[in-house]
Amino acid sequence: MPLSYKAKRRYALLILLIGLPVYIIASVTVVNWLERPSIWVELFVYVALGILWILPFKFVFKGVGQADPDQPNQ
């Protein structure tokens, strides 16, 4: 069952307001567990966790920035 445009926008906002801060806290915690590695390892960890975080939500963010397709043209 595909999500409506309004539901996608609401879920995207919820994910950004709650999921993004959780991702930031989790990624900083993971880097701290590594006891401050070199800058390249740290960068790789942040990039990898960022990609892993957003992949499950890709379908929610697709098309959210475009005009509402359900809205009649005015």
N, C-alpha and C. Protein backbone atom coordinates (compact mmCIF):
# COMPACT_ATOMS: atom_id res chain seq x y z
N MET A 1 0.84 -1.18 0.00
CA MET A 1 0.00 0.00 0.00
C MET A 1 0.89 1.24 0.00
N PRO A 2 0.84 2.02 -1.06
CA PRO A 2 1.68 3.23 -1.12
C PRO A 2 1.16 4.32 -0.18
N LEU A 3 2.09 5.10 0.32
CA LEU A 3 1.75 6.20 1.22
C LEU A 3 1.24 7.39 0.42
N SER A 4 0.31 8.12 0.99
CA SER A 4 -0.14 9.35 0.34
C SER A 4 0.95 10.40 0.48
N TYR A 5 0.82 11.45 -0.31
CA TYR A 5 1.81 12.52 -0.28
C TYR A 5 1.89 13.17 1.10
N LYS A 6 0.72 13.43 1.71
CA LYS A 6 0.71 14.06 3.03
C LYS A 6 1.32 13.15 4.09
N ALA A 7 1.05 11.85 4.00
CA ALA A 7 1.63 10.91 4.96
C ALA A 7 3.14 10.86 4.81
N LYS A 8 3.62 10.88 3.56
CA LYS A 8 5.07 10.89 3.33
C LYS A 8 5.71 12.12 3.95
N ARG A 9 5.07 13.26 3.78
CA ARG A 9 5.62 14.50 4.35
C ARG A 9 5.65 14.44 5.87
N ARG A 10 4.60 13.91 6.46
CA ARG A 10 4.56 13.80 7.93
C ARG A 10 5.62 12.83 8.44
N TYR A 11 5.74 11.67 7.79
CA TYR A 11 6.74 10.70 8.20
C TYR A 11 8.15 11.26 8.02
N ALA A 12 8.38 11.97 6.92
CA ALA A 12 9.70 12.55 6.68
C ALA A 12 10.04 13.56 7.78
N LEU A 13 9.09 14.38 8.16
CA LEU A 13 9.31 15.35 9.23
C LEU A 13 9.58 14.65 10.56
N LEU A 14 8.82 13.62 10.85
CA LEU A 14 9.02 12.85 12.08
C LEU A 14 10.39 12.18 12.10
N ILE A 15 10.78 11.61 10.98
CA ILE A 15 12.09 10.96 10.89
C ILE A 15 13.21 11.98 11.08
N LEU A 16 13.07 13.15 10.49
CA LEU A 16 14.11 14.17 10.63
C LEU A 16 14.17 14.76 12.04
N LEU A 17 13.02 14.93 12.67
CA LEU A 17 13.00 15.53 14.01
C LEU A 17 13.40 14.56 15.11
N ILE A 18 13.12 13.28 14.92
CA ILE A 18 13.45 12.29 15.95
C ILE A 18 14.61 11.40 15.52
N GLY A 19 14.58 10.92 14.29
CA GLY A 19 15.60 9.98 13.82
C GLY A 19 16.97 10.59 13.65
N LEU A 20 17.04 11.80 13.16
CA LEU A 20 18.34 12.44 12.94
C LEU A 20 19.09 12.69 14.25
N PRO A 21 18.45 13.24 15.28
CA PRO A 21 19.18 13.37 16.56
C PRO A 21 19.60 12.03 17.15
N VAL A 22 18.76 11.01 17.00
CA VAL A 22 19.14 9.67 17.49
C VAL A 22 20.34 9.16 16.72
N TYR A 23 20.36 9.37 15.40
CA TYR A 23 21.52 8.97 14.58
C TYR A 23 22.78 9.69 15.04
N ILE A 24 22.68 10.97 15.29
CA ILE A 24 23.85 11.75 15.71
C ILE A 24 24.39 11.23 17.04
N ILE A 25 23.51 10.99 17.99
CA ILE A 25 23.94 10.47 19.29
C ILE A 25 24.57 9.09 19.14
N ALA A 26 23.96 8.23 18.33
CA ALA A 26 24.48 6.88 18.13
C ALA A 26 25.83 6.90 17.44
N SER A 27 25.99 7.74 16.42
CA SER A 27 27.26 7.77 15.70
C SER A 27 28.39 8.34 16.56
N VAL A 28 28.10 9.35 17.36
CA VAL A 28 29.12 9.88 18.26
C VAL A 28 29.49 8.84 19.32
N THR A 29 28.50 8.10 19.79
CA THR A 29 28.77 7.03 20.76
C THR A 29 29.66 5.95 20.17
N VAL A 30 29.40 5.55 18.93
CA VAL A 30 30.22 4.54 18.26
C VAL A 30 31.66 5.04 18.11
N VAL A 31 31.84 6.27 17.72
CA VAL A 31 33.19 6.82 17.57
C VAL A 31 33.89 6.90 18.92
N ASN A 32 33.15 7.23 19.98
CA ASN A 32 33.75 7.27 21.31
C ASN A 32 34.17 5.88 21.78
N TRP A 33 33.42 4.84 21.40
CA TRP A 33 33.81 3.47 21.73
C TRP A 33 35.14 3.10 21.08
N LEU A 34 35.40 3.70 19.93
CA LEU A 34 36.66 3.43 19.23
C LEU A 34 37.82 4.22 19.84
N GLU A 35 37.56 4.97 20.86
CA GLU A 35 38.56 5.77 21.59
C GLU A 35 39.33 6.74 20.69
N ARG A 36 38.58 7.56 20.02
CA ARG A 36 39.09 8.65 19.16
C ARG A 36 40.12 8.15 18.15
N PRO A 37 39.65 7.49 17.09
CA PRO A 37 40.56 6.99 16.05
C PRO A 37 41.08 8.13 15.18
N SER A 38 41.86 7.80 14.17
CA SER A 38 42.36 8.83 13.25
C SER A 38 41.19 9.49 12.53
N ILE A 39 41.45 10.62 11.96
CA ILE A 39 40.39 11.39 11.31
C ILE A 39 39.77 10.63 10.14
N TRP A 40 40.55 9.82 9.43
CA TRP A 40 40.03 9.07 8.28
C TRP A 40 39.10 7.95 8.72
N VAL A 41 39.45 7.26 9.79
CA VAL A 41 38.58 6.21 10.33
C VAL A 41 37.30 6.84 10.86
N GLU A 42 37.44 7.94 11.53
CA GLU A 42 36.27 8.64 12.07
C GLU A 42 35.35 9.10 10.94
N LEU A 43 35.90 9.66 9.90
CA LEU A 43 35.11 10.09 8.75
C LEU A 43 34.40 8.90 8.11
N PHE A 44 35.12 7.78 7.94
CA PHE A 44 34.51 6.59 7.35
C PHE A 44 33.35 6.09 8.21
N VAL A 45 33.51 6.09 9.52
CA VAL A 45 32.44 5.63 10.41
C VAL A 45 31.22 6.53 10.28
N TYR A 46 31.41 7.83 10.26
CA TYR A 46 30.28 8.75 10.13
C TYR A 46 29.57 8.59 8.79
N VAL A 47 30.32 8.45 7.72
CA VAL A 47 29.71 8.28 6.40
C VAL A 47 28.97 6.95 6.32
N ALA A 48 29.58 5.89 6.80
CA ALA A 48 28.94 4.56 6.75
C ALA A 48 27.66 4.54 7.58
N LEU A 49 27.70 5.10 8.78
CA LEU A 49 26.50 5.14 9.61
C LEU A 49 25.42 6.04 9.00
N GLY A 50 25.82 7.10 8.33
CA GLY A 50 24.86 7.97 7.67
C GLY A 50 24.14 7.27 6.53
N ILE A 51 24.88 6.48 5.78
CA ILE A 51 24.26 5.73 4.68
C ILE A 51 23.36 4.64 5.23
N LEU A 52 23.82 3.93 6.25
CA LEU A 52 23.01 2.86 6.84
C LEU A 52 21.74 3.40 7.50
N TRP A 53 21.81 4.62 8.02
CA TRP A 53 20.66 5.21 8.69
C TRP A 53 19.56 5.58 7.69
N ILE A 54 19.93 6.09 6.54
CA ILE A 54 18.93 6.63 5.62
C ILE A 54 18.37 5.59 4.66
N LEU A 55 19.06 4.50 4.42
CA LEU A 55 18.59 3.50 3.46
C LEU A 55 17.18 2.97 3.76
N PRO A 56 16.84 2.63 4.99
CA PRO A 56 15.48 2.13 5.23
C PRO A 56 14.39 3.17 4.98
N PHE A 57 14.73 4.45 5.02
CA PHE A 57 13.73 5.50 4.88
C PHE A 57 13.72 6.15 3.50
N LYS A 58 14.43 5.57 2.56
CA LYS A 58 14.55 6.15 1.22
C LYS A 58 13.18 6.33 0.56
N PHE A 59 12.30 5.35 0.72
CA PHE A 59 10.99 5.43 0.08
C PHE A 59 10.15 6.56 0.65
N VAL A 60 10.38 6.95 1.88
CA VAL A 60 9.61 8.03 2.50
C VAL A 60 10.03 9.38 1.92
N PHE A 61 11.33 9.57 1.70
CA PHE A 61 11.84 10.86 1.25
C PHE A 61 11.71 11.08 -0.25
N LYS A 62 11.47 10.03 -1.02
CA LYS A 62 11.37 10.19 -2.48
C LYS A 62 10.13 10.99 -2.84
N GLY A 63 10.33 12.10 -3.54
CA GLY A 63 9.23 12.91 -4.04
C GLY A 63 8.62 13.87 -3.05
N VAL A 64 9.14 13.96 -1.84
CA VAL A 64 8.55 14.84 -0.83
C VAL A 64 8.76 16.31 -1.17
N GLY A 65 9.85 16.64 -1.81
CA GLY A 65 10.14 18.03 -2.13
C GLY A 65 9.44 18.55 -3.36
N GLN A 66 8.66 17.72 -4.03
CA GLN A 66 7.96 18.15 -5.24
C GLN A 66 6.53 18.55 -4.90
N ALA A 67 5.84 19.09 -5.88
CA ALA A 67 4.46 19.52 -5.68
C ALA A 67 3.56 18.32 -5.42
N ASP A 68 2.48 18.54 -4.69
CA ASP A 68 1.55 17.47 -4.36
C ASP A 68 0.88 16.95 -5.63
N PRO A 69 1.09 15.68 -5.96
CA PRO A 69 0.48 15.14 -7.19
C PRO A 69 -1.01 14.96 -7.07
N ASP A 70 -1.56 14.91 -5.86
CA ASP A 70 -3.00 14.74 -5.65
C ASP A 70 -3.76 16.07 -5.77
N GLN A 71 -3.05 17.17 -5.72
CA GLN A 71 -3.63 18.50 -5.79
C GLN A 71 -3.98 18.84 -7.25
N PRO A 72 -5.19 19.32 -7.52
CA PRO A 72 -5.49 19.73 -8.91
C PRO A 72 -4.68 20.98 -9.29
N ASN A 73 -4.28 21.06 -10.54
CA ASN A 73 -3.51 22.23 -11.02
C ASN A 73 -4.35 23.48 -11.00
N GLN A 74 -3.77 24.55 -10.49
CA GLN A 74 -4.51 25.82 -10.42
C GLN A 74 -3.79 26.89 -11.17
